[in-house]
Amino acid sequence: MRAVVQRVSCGKVTVNEWIAGEIGLGLLVLLGVGLDDDESDVTYMAEKVAGLRIFEDADGKMNRSVLDVGGSVLAVSQFTLYGDVRRGKRPSFDDAAPPEAARRLYELFVERIRAAGLRCETGRFQEMMQVELVNEGPVTILLDSRKAF
């Protein structure tokens, strides 16, 4: 499972001119599910996102989590995080999970984030979405449940 996590002052996902999810201060999480991912990957990713200390404390150090600052999470499924362009210029998505499996694990991720006590808004699975955000910092972190990077 892969994620691009961005610290935001606001974020919004729109589908067909309808706002599917919107947050203020918090984290925008673009989440990709891999072919071999299972519930252990979801557990790792949800715990990592909820506890990620990328918000500043009183001394200006990144030492606070989204939980600590009372923020929210906007989780957006994004299979293109598994796009492989090592052999050309057109991405291969062979390592991405099929939609049924990806949806189940994405929804489980959202459940685990909510169970951690966070408000979690979402995009719409398998829909064309427009994602808007204001990245504060900018702060962007890449996560991989298999610790590939």
Foldseek 3Di string as FASTA:
>chain_A
DKKKKFFFQKKFKDFPNHTQWIWGGAIEIADFAWAPDDVLLLVVVLVCQQAPQQDQDPVGDSGGHCVRVQTAYEYEYDLCVQFDQPPHDGTDSPGGHPQVVGVVSSVVSQVSNVVVVHHYTYYDRPGDMDMDTGGPVGDIDMDDSVPPD
